[in-house]
Amino acid sequence: AMNHPDLVSEHIRGVSGSLSGMCTQSDNVACAHGTFVAGILAAR
């Protein structure tokens, strides 16, 4: 969820040409897992 207010969005980007890195379903477990790990690494 790259638009999460606690993520520093200007330092997050997807790999060009691959699957979209942005969540489209906020209640999905894959999206929850990716956002959880991203928060450990790069949250505010």
All heavy atoms as atom14 arrays in JSON, in Angstrom:
{
  "sequence": "AMNHPDLVSEHIRGVSGSLSGMCTQSDNVACAHGTFVAGILAAR",
  "atom14_mask": [
    [1, 1, 1, 1, 1, 0, 0, 0, 0, 0, 0, 0, 0, 0],
    [1, 1, 1, 1, 1, 1, 1, 1, 0, 0, 0, 0, 0, 0],
    [1, 1, 1, 1, 1, 1, 1, 1, 0, 0, 0, 0, 0, 0],
    [1, 1, 1, 1, 1, 1, 1, 1, 1, 1, 0, 0, 0, 0],
    [1, 1, 1, 1, 1, 1, 1, 0, 0, 0, 0, 0, 0, 0],
    [1, 1, 1, 1, 1, 1, 1, 1, 0, 0, 0, 0, 0, 0],
    [1, 1, 1, 1, 1, 1, 1, 1, 0, 0, 0, 0, 0, 0],
    [1, 1, 1, 1, 1, 1, 1, 0, 0, 0, 0, 0, 0, 0],
    [1, 1, 1, 1, 1, 1, 0, 0, 0, 0, 0, 0, 0, 0],
    [1, 1, 1, 1, 1, 1, 1, 1, 1, 0, 0, 0, 0, 0],
    [1, 1, 1, 1, 1, 1, 1, 1, 1, 1, 0, 0, 0, 0],
    [1, 1, 1, 1, 1, 1, 1, 1, 0, 0, 0, 0, 0, 0],
    [1, 1, 1, 1, 1, 1, 1, 1, 1, 1, 1, 0, 0, 0],
    [1, 1, 1, 1, 0, 0, 0, 0, 0, 0, 0, 0, 0, 0],
    [1, 1, 1, 1, 1, 1, 1, 0, 0, 0, 0, 0, 0, 0],
    [1, 1, 1, 1, 1, 1, 0, 0, 0, 0, 0, 0, 0, 0],
    [1, 1, 1, 1, 0, 0, 0, 0, 0, 0, 0, 0, 0, 0],
    [1, 1, 1, 1, 1, 1, 0, 0, 0, 0, 0, 0, 0, 0],
    [1, 1, 1, 1, 1, 1, 1, 1, 0, 0, 0, 0, 0, 0],
    [1, 1, 1, 1, 1, 1, 0, 0, 0, 0, 0, 0, 0, 0],
    [1, 1, 1, 1, 0, 0, 0, 0, 0, 0, 0, 0, 0, 0],
    [1, 1, 1, 1, 1, 1, 1, 1, 0, 0, 0, 0, 0, 0],
    [1, 1, 1, 1, 1, 1, 0, 0, 0, 0, 0, 0, 0, 0],
    [1, 1, 1, 1, 1, 1, 1, 0, 0, 0, 0, 0, 0, 0],
    [1, 1, 1, 1, 1, 1, 1, 1, 1, 0, 0, 0, 0, 0],
    [1, 1, 1, 1, 1, 1, 0, 0, 0, 0, 0, 0, 0, 0],
    [1, 1, 1, 1, 1, 1, 1, 1, 0, 0, 0, 0, 0, 0],
    [1, 1, 1, 1, 1, 1, 1, 1, 0, 0, 0, 0, 0, 0],
    [1, 1, 1, 1, 1, 1, 1, 0, 0, 0, 0, 0, 0, 0],
    [1, 1, 1, 1, 1, 0, 0, 0, 0, 0, 0, 0, 0, 0],
    [1, 1, 1, 1, 1, 1, 0, 0, 0, 0, 0, 0, 0, 0],
    [1, 1, 1, 1, 1, 0, 0, 0, 0, 0, 0, 0, 0, 0],
    [1, 1, 1, 1, 1, 1, 1, 1, 1, 1, 0, 0, 0, 0],
    [1, 1, 1, 1, 0, 0, 0, 0, 0, 0, 0, 0, 0, 0],
    [1, 1, 1, 1, 1, 1, 1, 0, 0, 0, 0, 0, 0, 0],
    [1, 1, 1, 1, 1, 1, 1, 1, 1, 1, 1, 0, 0, 0],
    [1, 1, 1, 1, 1, 1, 1, 0, 0, 0, 0, 0, 0, 0],
    [1, 1, 1, 1, 1, 0, 0, 0, 0, 0, 0, 0, 0, 0],
    [1, 1, 1, 1, 0, 0, 0, 0, 0, 0, 0, 0, 0, 0],
    [1, 1, 1, 1, 1, 1, 1, 1, 0, 0, 0, 0, 0, 0],
    [1, 1, 1, 1, 1, 1, 1, 1, 0, 0, 0, 0, 0, 0],
    [1, 1, 1, 1, 1, 0, 0, 0, 0, 0, 0, 0, 0, 0],
    [1, 1, 1, 1, 1, 0, 0, 0, 0, 0, 0, 0, 0, 0],
    [1, 1, 1, 1, 1, 1, 1, 1, 1, 1, 1, 0, 0, 0]
  ],
  "atom14_positions": [
    [[0.87, -1.19, 0.0], [0.0, 0.0, 0.0], [0.91, 1.23, 0.0], [1.16, 1.84, 1.04], [-0.91, -0.01, 1.22], [0.0, 0.0, 0.0], [0.0, 0.0, 0.0], [0.0, 0.0, 0.0], [0.0, 0.0, 0.0], [0.0, 0.0, 0.0], [0.0, 0.0, 0.0], [0.0, 0.0, 0.0], [0.0, 0.0, 0.0], [0.0, 0.0, 0.0]],
    [[1.38, 1.6, -1.18], [2.37, 2.68, -1.28], [1.82, 4.04, -0.85], [2.58, 4.96, -0.55], [2.9, 2.77, -2.72], [3.63, 1.53, -3.18], [4.3, 1.77, -4.84], [4.82, 0.11, -5.26], [0.0, 0.0, 0.0], [0.0, 0.0, 0.0], [0.0, 0.0, 0.0], [0.0, 0.0, 0.0], [0.0, 0.0, 0.0], [0.0, 0.0, 0.0]],
    [[0.5, 4.16, -0.83], [-0.12, 5.42, -0.4], [-0.39, 5.45, 1.1], [-1.06, 6.37, 1.6], [-1.42, 5.65, -1.17], [-2.42, 4.51, -0.98], [-2.09, 3.47, -0.39], [-3.63, 4.68, -1.49], [0.0, 0.0, 0.0], [0.0, 0.0, 0.0], [0.0, 0.0, 0.0], [0.0, 0.0, 0.0], [0.0, 0.0, 0.0], [0.0, 0.0, 0.0]],
    [[0.11, 4.48, 1.84], [-0.08, 4.47, 3.29], [0.58, 5.71, 3.89], [1.73, 6.04, 3.56], [0.55, 3.21, 3.89], [0.13, 2.93, 5.3], [0.49, 3.74, 6.37], [-0.63, 1.95, 5.83], [-0.02, 3.25, 7.48], [-0.71, 2.15, 7.18], [0.0, 0.0, 0.0], [0.0, 0.0, 0.0], [0.0, 0.0, 0.0], [0.0, 0.0, 0.0]],
    [[-0.1, 6.43, 4.77], [0.46, 7.68, 5.31], [1.74, 7.49, 6.11], [2.5, 8.44, 6.3], [-0.67, 8.23, 6.19], [-1.56, 7.06, 6.48], [-1.47, 6.18, 5.27], [0.0, 0.0, 0.0], [0.0, 0.0, 0.0], [0.0, 0.0, 0.0], [0.0, 0.0, 0.0], [0.0, 0.0, 0.0], [0.0, 0.0, 0.0], [0.0, 0.0, 0.0]],
    [[2.0, 6.27, 6.58], [3.22, 6.03, 7.36], [4.38, 5.48, 6.53], [5.42, 5.13, 7.07], [2.93, 5.07, 8.52], [2.23, 5.77, 9.67], [2.47, 6.98, 9.86], [1.43, 5.12, 10.37], [0.0, 0.0, 0.0], [0.0, 0.0, 0.0], [0.0, 0.0, 0.0], [0.0, 0.0, 0.0], [0.0, 0.0, 0.0], [0.0, 0.0, 0.0]],
    [[4.2, 5.41, 5.21], [5.29, 5.04, 4.33], [5.83, 6.28, 3.63], [5.05, 7.17, 3.27], [4.84, 4.01, 3.29], [4.61, 2.59, 3.79], [4.0, 1.72, 2.71], [5.93, 1.97, 4.28], [0.0, 0.0, 0.0], [0.0, 0.0, 0.0], [0.0, 0.0, 0.0], [0.0, 0.0, 0.0], [0.0, 0.0, 0.0], [0.0, 0.0, 0.0]],
    [[7.13, 6.33, 3.46], [7.75, 7.48, 2.78], [7.67, 7.21, 1.28], [8.57, 6.62, 0.68], [9.21, 7.66, 3.25], [9.8, 8.95, 2.66], [9.28, 7.71, 4.77], [0.0, 0.0, 0.0], [0.0, 0.0, 0.0], [0.0, 0.0, 0.0], [0.0, 0.0, 0.0], [0.0, 0.0, 0.0], [0.0, 0.0, 0.0], [0.0, 0.0, 0.0]],
    [[6.57, 7.64, 0.69], [6.23, 7.21, -0.67], [7.26, 7.63, -1.71], [7.45, 6.94, -2.71], [4.85, 7.75, -1.06], [4.83, 9.16, -0.98], [0.0, 0.0, 0.0], [0.0, 0.0, 0.0], [0.0, 0.0, 0.0], [0.0, 0.0, 0.0], [0.0, 0.0, 0.0], [0.0, 0.0, 0.0], [0.0, 0.0, 0.0], [0.0, 0.0, 0.0]],
    [[7.95, 8.76, -1.49], [8.91, 9.21, -2.49], [10.12, 8.28, -2.59], [10.9, 8.36, -3.55], [9.39, 10.64, -2.19], [10.11, 10.82, -0.88], [9.18, 11.26, 0.25], [7.98, 10.91, 0.19], [9.65, 11.93, 1.18], [0.0, 0.0, 0.0], [0.0, 0.0, 0.0], [0.0, 0.0, 0.0], [0.0, 0.0, 0.0], [0.0, 0.0, 0.0]],
    [[10.28, 7.37, -1.61], [11.39, 6.43, -1.64], [10.94, 5.0, -1.97], [11.7, 4.05, -1.77], [12.14, 6.43, -0.31], [12.86, 7.7, -0.04], [13.08, 8.18, 1.24], [13.39, 8.63, -0.87], [13.73, 9.33, 1.17], [13.93, 9.62, -0.09], [0.0, 0.0, 0.0], [0.0, 0.0, 0.0], [0.0, 0.0, 0.0], [0.0, 0.0, 0.0]],
    [[9.7, 4.86, -2.46], [9.17, 3.53, -2.79], [8.76, 3.52, -4.26], [8.06, 4.42, -4.72], [7.95, 3.17, -1.91], [8.34, 3.23, -0.42], [7.43, 1.78, -2.25], [7.18, 2.96, 0.51], [0.0, 0.0, 0.0], [0.0, 0.0, 0.0], [0.0, 0.0, 0.0], [0.0, 0.0, 0.0], [0.0, 0.0, 0.0], [0.0, 0.0, 0.0]],
    [[9.2, 2.5, -4.98], [8.8, 2.38, -6.38], [8.72, 0.9, -6.75], [9.3, 0.04, -6.1], [9.78, 3.09, -7.3], [11.23, 2.63, -7.22], [12.13, 3.48, -8.09], [13.54, 3.2, -7.94], [14.21, 2.29, -8.64], [13.56, 1.58, -9.57], [15.5, 2.09, -8.45], [0.0, 0.0, 0.0], [0.0, 0.0, 0.0], [0.0, 0.0, 0.0]],
    [[7.97, 0.63, -7.81], [7.86, -0.73, -8.3], [8.91, -1.02, -9.35], [9.55, -0.12, -9.89], [0.0, 0.0, 0.0], [0.0, 0.0, 0.0], [0.0, 0.0, 0.0], [0.0, 0.0, 0.0], [0.0, 0.0, 0.0], [0.0, 0.0, 0.0], [0.0, 0.0, 0.0], [0.0, 0.0, 0.0], [0.0, 0.0, 0.0], [0.0, 0.0, 0.0]],
    [[9.11, -2.3, -9.63], [10.02, -2.71, -10.7], [9.3, -2.5, -12.02], [8.21, -3.01, -12.25], [10.43, -4.18, -10.54], [11.26, -4.65, -11.72], [11.19, -4.38, -9.23], [0.0, 0.0, 0.0], [0.0, 0.0, 0.0], [0.0, 0.0, 0.0], [0.0, 0.0, 0.0], [0.0, 0.0, 0.0], [0.0, 0.0, 0.0], [0.0, 0.0, 0.0]],
    [[9.9, -1.74, -12.9], [9.3, -1.42, -14.18], [9.04, -2.69, -14.99], [9.91, -3.55, -15.11], [10.2, -0.48, -14.97], [9.66, -0.21, -16.24], [0.0, 0.0, 0.0], [0.0, 0.0, 0.0], [0.0, 0.0, 0.0], [0.0, 0.0, 0.0], [0.0, 0.0, 0.0], [0.0, 0.0, 0.0], [0.0, 0.0, 0.0], [0.0, 0.0, 0.0]],
    [[7.82, -2.8, -15.52], [7.49, -3.91, -16.4], [7.01, -5.15, -15.69], [6.56, -6.1, -16.34], [0.0, 0.0, 0.0], [0.0, 0.0, 0.0], [0.0, 0.0, 0.0], [0.0, 0.0, 0.0], [0.0, 0.0, 0.0], [0.0, 0.0, 0.0], [0.0, 0.0, 0.0], [0.0, 0.0, 0.0], [0.0, 0.0, 0.0], [0.0, 0.0, 0.0]],
    [[7.06, -5.2, -14.35], [6.58, -6.37, -13.63], [5.15, -6.15, -13.18], [4.5, -5.18, -13.56], [7.48, -6.63, -12.41], [7.25, -5.66, -11.41], [0.0, 0.0, 0.0], [0.0, 0.0, 0.0], [0.0, 0.0, 0.0], [0.0, 0.0, 0.0], [0.0, 0.0, 0.0], [0.0, 0.0, 0.0], [0.0, 0.0, 0.0], [0.0, 0.0, 0.0]],
    [[4.63, -7.05, -12.37], [3.31, -6.86, -11.79], [3.29, -5.56, -10.98], [4.31, -5.14, -10.43], [2.98, -8.04, -10.85], [2.91, -9.43, -11.49], [2.88, -10.48, -10.41], [1.69, -9.54, -12.39], [0.0, 0.0, 0.0], [0.0, 0.0, 0.0], [0.0, 0.0, 0.0], [0.0, 0.0, 0.0], [0.0, 0.0, 0.0], [0.0, 0.0, 0.0]],
    [[2.14, -4.94, -10.92], [2.04, -3.69, -10.18], [2.42, -3.9, -8.72], [2.0, -4.86, -8.08], [0.62, -3.14, -10.26], [0.47, -2.02, -9.41], [0.0, 0.0, 0.0], [0.0, 0.0, 0.0], [0.0, 0.0, 0.0], [0.0, 0.0, 0.0], [0.0, 0.0, 0.0], [0.0, 0.0, 0.0], [0.0, 0.0, 0.0], [0.0, 0.0, 0.0]],
    [[3.24, -2.98, -8.19], [3.63, -3.06, -6.79], [2.61, -2.46, -5.84], [2.75, -2.56, -4.63], [0.0, 0.0, 0.0], [0.0, 0.0, 0.0], [0.0, 0.0, 0.0], [0.0, 0.0, 0.0], [0.0, 0.0, 0.0], [0.0, 0.0, 0.0], [0.0, 0.0, 0.0], [0.0, 0.0, 0.0], [0.0, 0.0, 0.0], [0.0, 0.0, 0.0]],
    [[1.58, -1.84, -6.39], [0.58, -1.14, -5.58], [-0.59, -2.07, -5.24], [-1.09, -2.8, -6.09], [0.06, 0.08, -6.34], [-1.12, 0.78, -5.69], [-0.71, 1.58, -4.12], [0.0, 3.09, -4.73], [0.0, 0.0, 0.0], [0.0, 0.0, 0.0], [0.0, 0.0, 0.0], [0.0, 0.0, 0.0], [0.0, 0.0, 0.0], [0.0, 0.0, 0.0]],
    [[-1.03, -2.04, -3.99], [-2.21, -2.79, -3.58], [-3.46, -2.24, -4.26], [-3.6, -1.02, -4.4], [-2.41, -2.67, -2.08], [-1.2, -3.54, -1.09], [0.0, 0.0, 0.0], [0.0, 0.0, 0.0], [0.0, 0.0, 0.0], [0.0, 0.0, 0.0], [0.0, 0.0, 0.0], [0.0, 0.0, 0.0], [0.0, 0.0, 0.0], [0.0, 0.0, 0.0]],
    [[-4.34, -3.13, -4.63], [-5.67, -2.71, -5.09], [-6.77, -3.21, -4.16], [-7.89, -2.75, -4.23], [-5.94, -3.23, -6.52], [-5.89, -4.66, -6.52], [-4.91, -2.67, -7.49], [0.0, 0.0, 0.0], [0.0, 0.0, 0.0], [0.0, 0.0, 0.0], [0.0, 0.0, 0.0], [0.0, 0.0, 0.0], [0.0, 0.0, 0.0], [0.0, 0.0, 0.0]],
    [[-6.43, -4.18, -3.29], [-7.4, -4.73, -2.34], [-6.79, -4.65, -0.94], [-5.94, -5.47, -0.58], [-7.73, -6.18, -2.68], [-8.24, -6.39, -4.1], [-8.39, -7.86, -4.43], [-8.79, -8.66, -3.59], [-8.05, -8.23, -5.66], [0.0, 0.0, 0.0], [0.0, 0.0, 0.0], [0.0, 0.0, 0.0], [0.0, 0.0, 0.0], [0.0, 0.0, 0.0]],
    [[-7.22, -3.67, -0.18], [-6.57, -3.42, 1.11], [-6.77, -4.54, 2.11], [-6.0, -4.68, 3.06], [-7.08, -2.1, 1.7], [-8.47, -2.16, 1.94], [0.0, 0.0, 0.0], [0.0, 0.0, 0.0], [0.0, 0.0, 0.0], [0.0, 0.0, 0.0], [0.0, 0.0, 0.0], [0.0, 0.0, 0.0], [0.0, 0.0, 0.0], [0.0, 0.0, 0.0]],
    [[-7.82, -5.38, 1.91], [-8.09, -6.46, 2.87], [-7.5, -7.79, 2.41], [-7.77, -8.84, 3.0], [-9.59, -6.61, 3.1], [-10.35, -6.91, 1.81], [-9.77, -6.76, 0.71], [-11.54, -7.29, 1.9], [0.0, 0.0, 0.0], [0.0, 0.0, 0.0], [0.0, 0.0, 0.0], [0.0, 0.0, 0.0], [0.0, 0.0, 0.0], [0.0, 0.0, 0.0]],
    [[-6.67, -7.77, 1.36], [-6.11, -9.0, 0.83], [-4.87, -9.4, 1.62], [-4.05, -8.56, 1.98], [-5.77, -8.79, -0.65], [-5.25, -10.05, -1.29], [-4.07, -10.32, -1.23], [-6.14, -10.81, -1.91], [0.0, 0.0, 0.0], [0.0, 0.0, 0.0], [0.0, 0.0, 0.0], [0.0, 0.0, 0.0], [0.0, 0.0, 0.0], [0.0, 0.0, 0.0]],
    [[-4.69, -10.7, 1.87], [-3.6, -11.15, 2.72], [-2.23, -10.93, 2.06], [-1.25, -10.63, 2.76], [-3.8, -12.63, 3.12], [-3.67, -13.55, 1.91], [-2.82, -13.04, 4.21], [0.0, 0.0, 0.0], [0.0, 0.0, 0.0], [0.0, 0.0, 0.0], [0.0, 0.0, 0.0], [0.0, 0.0, 0.0], [0.0, 0.0, 0.0], [0.0, 0.0, 0.0]],
    [[-2.15, -11.05, 0.74], [-0.87, -10.79, 0.07], [-0.47, -9.33, 0.22], [0.7, -9.01, 0.46], [-0.97, -11.17, -1.41], [0.0, 0.0, 0.0], [0.0, 0.0, 0.0], [0.0, 0.0, 0.0], [0.0, 0.0, 0.0], [0.0, 0.0, 0.0], [0.0, 0.0, 0.0], [0.0, 0.0, 0.0], [0.0, 0.0, 0.0], [0.0, 0.0, 0.0]],
    [[-1.44, -8.44, 0.08], [-1.19, -7.01, 0.23], [-0.82, -6.69, 1.69], [0.08, -5.89, 1.94], [-2.44, -6.25, -0.19], [-2.21, -4.48, -0.32], [0.0, 0.0, 0.0], [0.0, 0.0, 0.0], [0.0, 0.0, 0.0], [0.0, 0.0, 0.0], [0.0, 0.0, 0.0], [0.0, 0.0, 0.0], [0.0, 0.0, 0.0], [0.0, 0.0, 0.0]],
    [[-1.51, -7.33, 2.62], [-1.21, -7.11, 4.03], [0.22, -7.54, 4.35], [0.96, -6.85, 5.07], [-2.2, -7.86, 4.9], [0.0, 0.0, 0.0], [0.0, 0.0, 0.0], [0.0, 0.0, 0.0], [0.0, 0.0, 0.0], [0.0, 0.0, 0.0], [0.0, 0.0, 0.0], [0.0, 0.0, 0.0], [0.0, 0.0, 0.0], [0.0, 0.0, 0.0]],
    [[0.63, -8.68, 3.81], [1.97, -9.21, 4.08], [3.04, -8.29, 3.51], [4.02, -7.94, 4.18], [2.09, -10.61, 3.48], [3.28, -11.39, 3.95], [4.52, -11.27, 3.38], [3.39, -12.3, 4.95], [5.36, -12.09, 4.01], [4.71, -12.73, 4.96], [0.0, 0.0, 0.0], [0.0, 0.0, 0.0], [0.0, 0.0, 0.0], [0.0, 0.0, 0.0]],
    [[2.87, -7.86, 2.26], [3.84, -6.98, 1.64], [3.96, -5.65, 2.36], [5.07, -5.13, 2.57], [0.0, 0.0, 0.0], [0.0, 0.0, 0.0], [0.0, 0.0, 0.0], [0.0, 0.0, 0.0], [0.0, 0.0, 0.0], [0.0, 0.0, 0.0], [0.0, 0.0, 0.0], [0.0, 0.0, 0.0], [0.0, 0.0, 0.0], [0.0, 0.0, 0.0]],
    [[2.82, -5.08, 2.76], [2.83, -3.8, 3.46], [3.44, -3.93, 4.85], [4.17, -3.04, 5.31], [1.4, -3.24, 3.55], [0.84, -3.16, 2.24], [1.38, -1.87, 4.19], [0.0, 0.0, 0.0], [0.0, 0.0, 0.0], [0.0, 0.0, 0.0], [0.0, 0.0, 0.0], [0.0, 0.0, 0.0], [0.0, 0.0, 0.0], [0.0, 0.0, 0.0]],
    [[3.18, -5.05, 5.5], [3.75, -5.32, 6.82], [5.29, -5.32, 6.76], [5.97, -4.65, 7.55], [3.24, -6.67, 7.33], [3.84, -7.12, 8.63], [3.29, -6.72, 9.84], [4.95, -7.95, 8.65], [3.85, -7.13, 11.06], [5.52, -8.36, 9.85], [4.96, -7.96, 11.05], [0.0, 0.0, 0.0], [0.0, 0.0, 0.0], [0.0, 0.0, 0.0]],
    [[5.85, -6.07, 5.81], [7.31, -6.15, 5.68], [7.88, -4.8, 5.27], [8.91, -4.36, 5.77], [7.71, -7.27, 4.71], [9.23, -7.29, 4.52], [7.23, -8.62, 5.21], [0.0, 0.0, 0.0], [0.0, 0.0, 0.0], [0.0, 0.0, 0.0], [0.0, 0.0, 0.0], [0.0, 0.0, 0.0], [0.0, 0.0, 0.0], [0.0, 0.0, 0.0]],
    [[7.17, -4.1, 4.35], [7.62, -2.77, 3.93], [7.68, -1.81, 5.12], [8.59, -0.98, 5.21], [6.69, -2.22, 2.86], [0.0, 0.0, 0.0], [0.0, 0.0, 0.0], [0.0, 0.0, 0.0], [0.0, 0.0, 0.0], [0.0, 0.0, 0.0], [0.0, 0.0, 0.0], [0.0, 0.0, 0.0], [0.0, 0.0, 0.0], [0.0, 0.0, 0.0]],
    [[6.73, -1.93, 6.04], [6.72, -1.07, 7.21], [7.91, -1.29, 8.12], [8.48, -0.34, 8.67], [0.0, 0.0, 0.0], [0.0, 0.0, 0.0], [0.0, 0.0, 0.0], [0.0, 0.0, 0.0], [0.0, 0.0, 0.0], [0.0, 0.0, 0.0], [0.0, 0.0, 0.0], [0.0, 0.0, 0.0], [0.0, 0.0, 0.0], [0.0, 0.0, 0.0]],
    [[8.31, -2.55, 8.29], [9.49, -2.83, 9.1], [10.72, -2.16, 8.48], [11.55, -1.57, 9.18], [9.72, -4.35, 9.22], [8.56, -5.01, 9.97], [11.05, -4.65, 9.92], [8.64, -6.52, 10.04], [0.0, 0.0, 0.0], [0.0, 0.0, 0.0], [0.0, 0.0, 0.0], [0.0, 0.0, 0.0], [0.0, 0.0, 0.0], [0.0, 0.0, 0.0]],
    [[10.8, -2.2, 7.18], [11.97, -1.67, 6.49], [11.93, -0.16, 6.33], [12.95, 0.52, 6.53], [12.1, -2.32, 5.11], [12.5, -3.79, 5.09], [12.28, -4.38, 3.71], [13.96, -3.94, 5.52], [0.0, 0.0, 0.0], [0.0, 0.0, 0.0], [0.0, 0.0, 0.0], [0.0, 0.0, 0.0], [0.0, 0.0, 0.0], [0.0, 0.0, 0.0]],
    [[10.78, 0.39, 5.93], [10.8, 1.75, 5.39], [9.67, 2.65, 5.86], [9.39, 3.66, 5.21], [10.79, 1.68, 3.86], [0.0, 0.0, 0.0], [0.0, 0.0, 0.0], [0.0, 0.0, 0.0], [0.0, 0.0, 0.0], [0.0, 0.0, 0.0], [0.0, 0.0, 0.0], [0.0, 0.0, 0.0], [0.0, 0.0, 0.0], [0.0, 0.0, 0.0]],
    [[9.02, 2.33, 6.98], [8.0, 3.24, 7.49], [8.63, 4.5, 8.06], [9.84, 4.56, 8.3], [7.16, 2.54, 8.57], [0.0, 0.0, 0.0], [0.0, 0.0, 0.0], [0.0, 0.0, 0.0], [0.0, 0.0, 0.0], [0.0, 0.0, 0.0], [0.0, 0.0, 0.0], [0.0, 0.0, 0.0], [0.0, 0.0, 0.0], [0.0, 0.0, 0.0]],
    [[7.82, 5.5, 8.27], [8.31, 6.72, 8.93], [8.71, 6.39, 10.37], [8.06, 5.58, 11.03], [7.23, 7.8, 8.92], [6.81, 8.24, 7.52], [5.77, 9.34, 7.59], [5.21, 9.6, 6.26], [5.8, 10.37, 5.34], [6.94, 10.97, 5.63], [5.25, 10.55, 4.16], [0.0, 0.0, 0.0], [0.0, 0.0, 0.0], [0.0, 0.0, 0.0]]
  ]
}
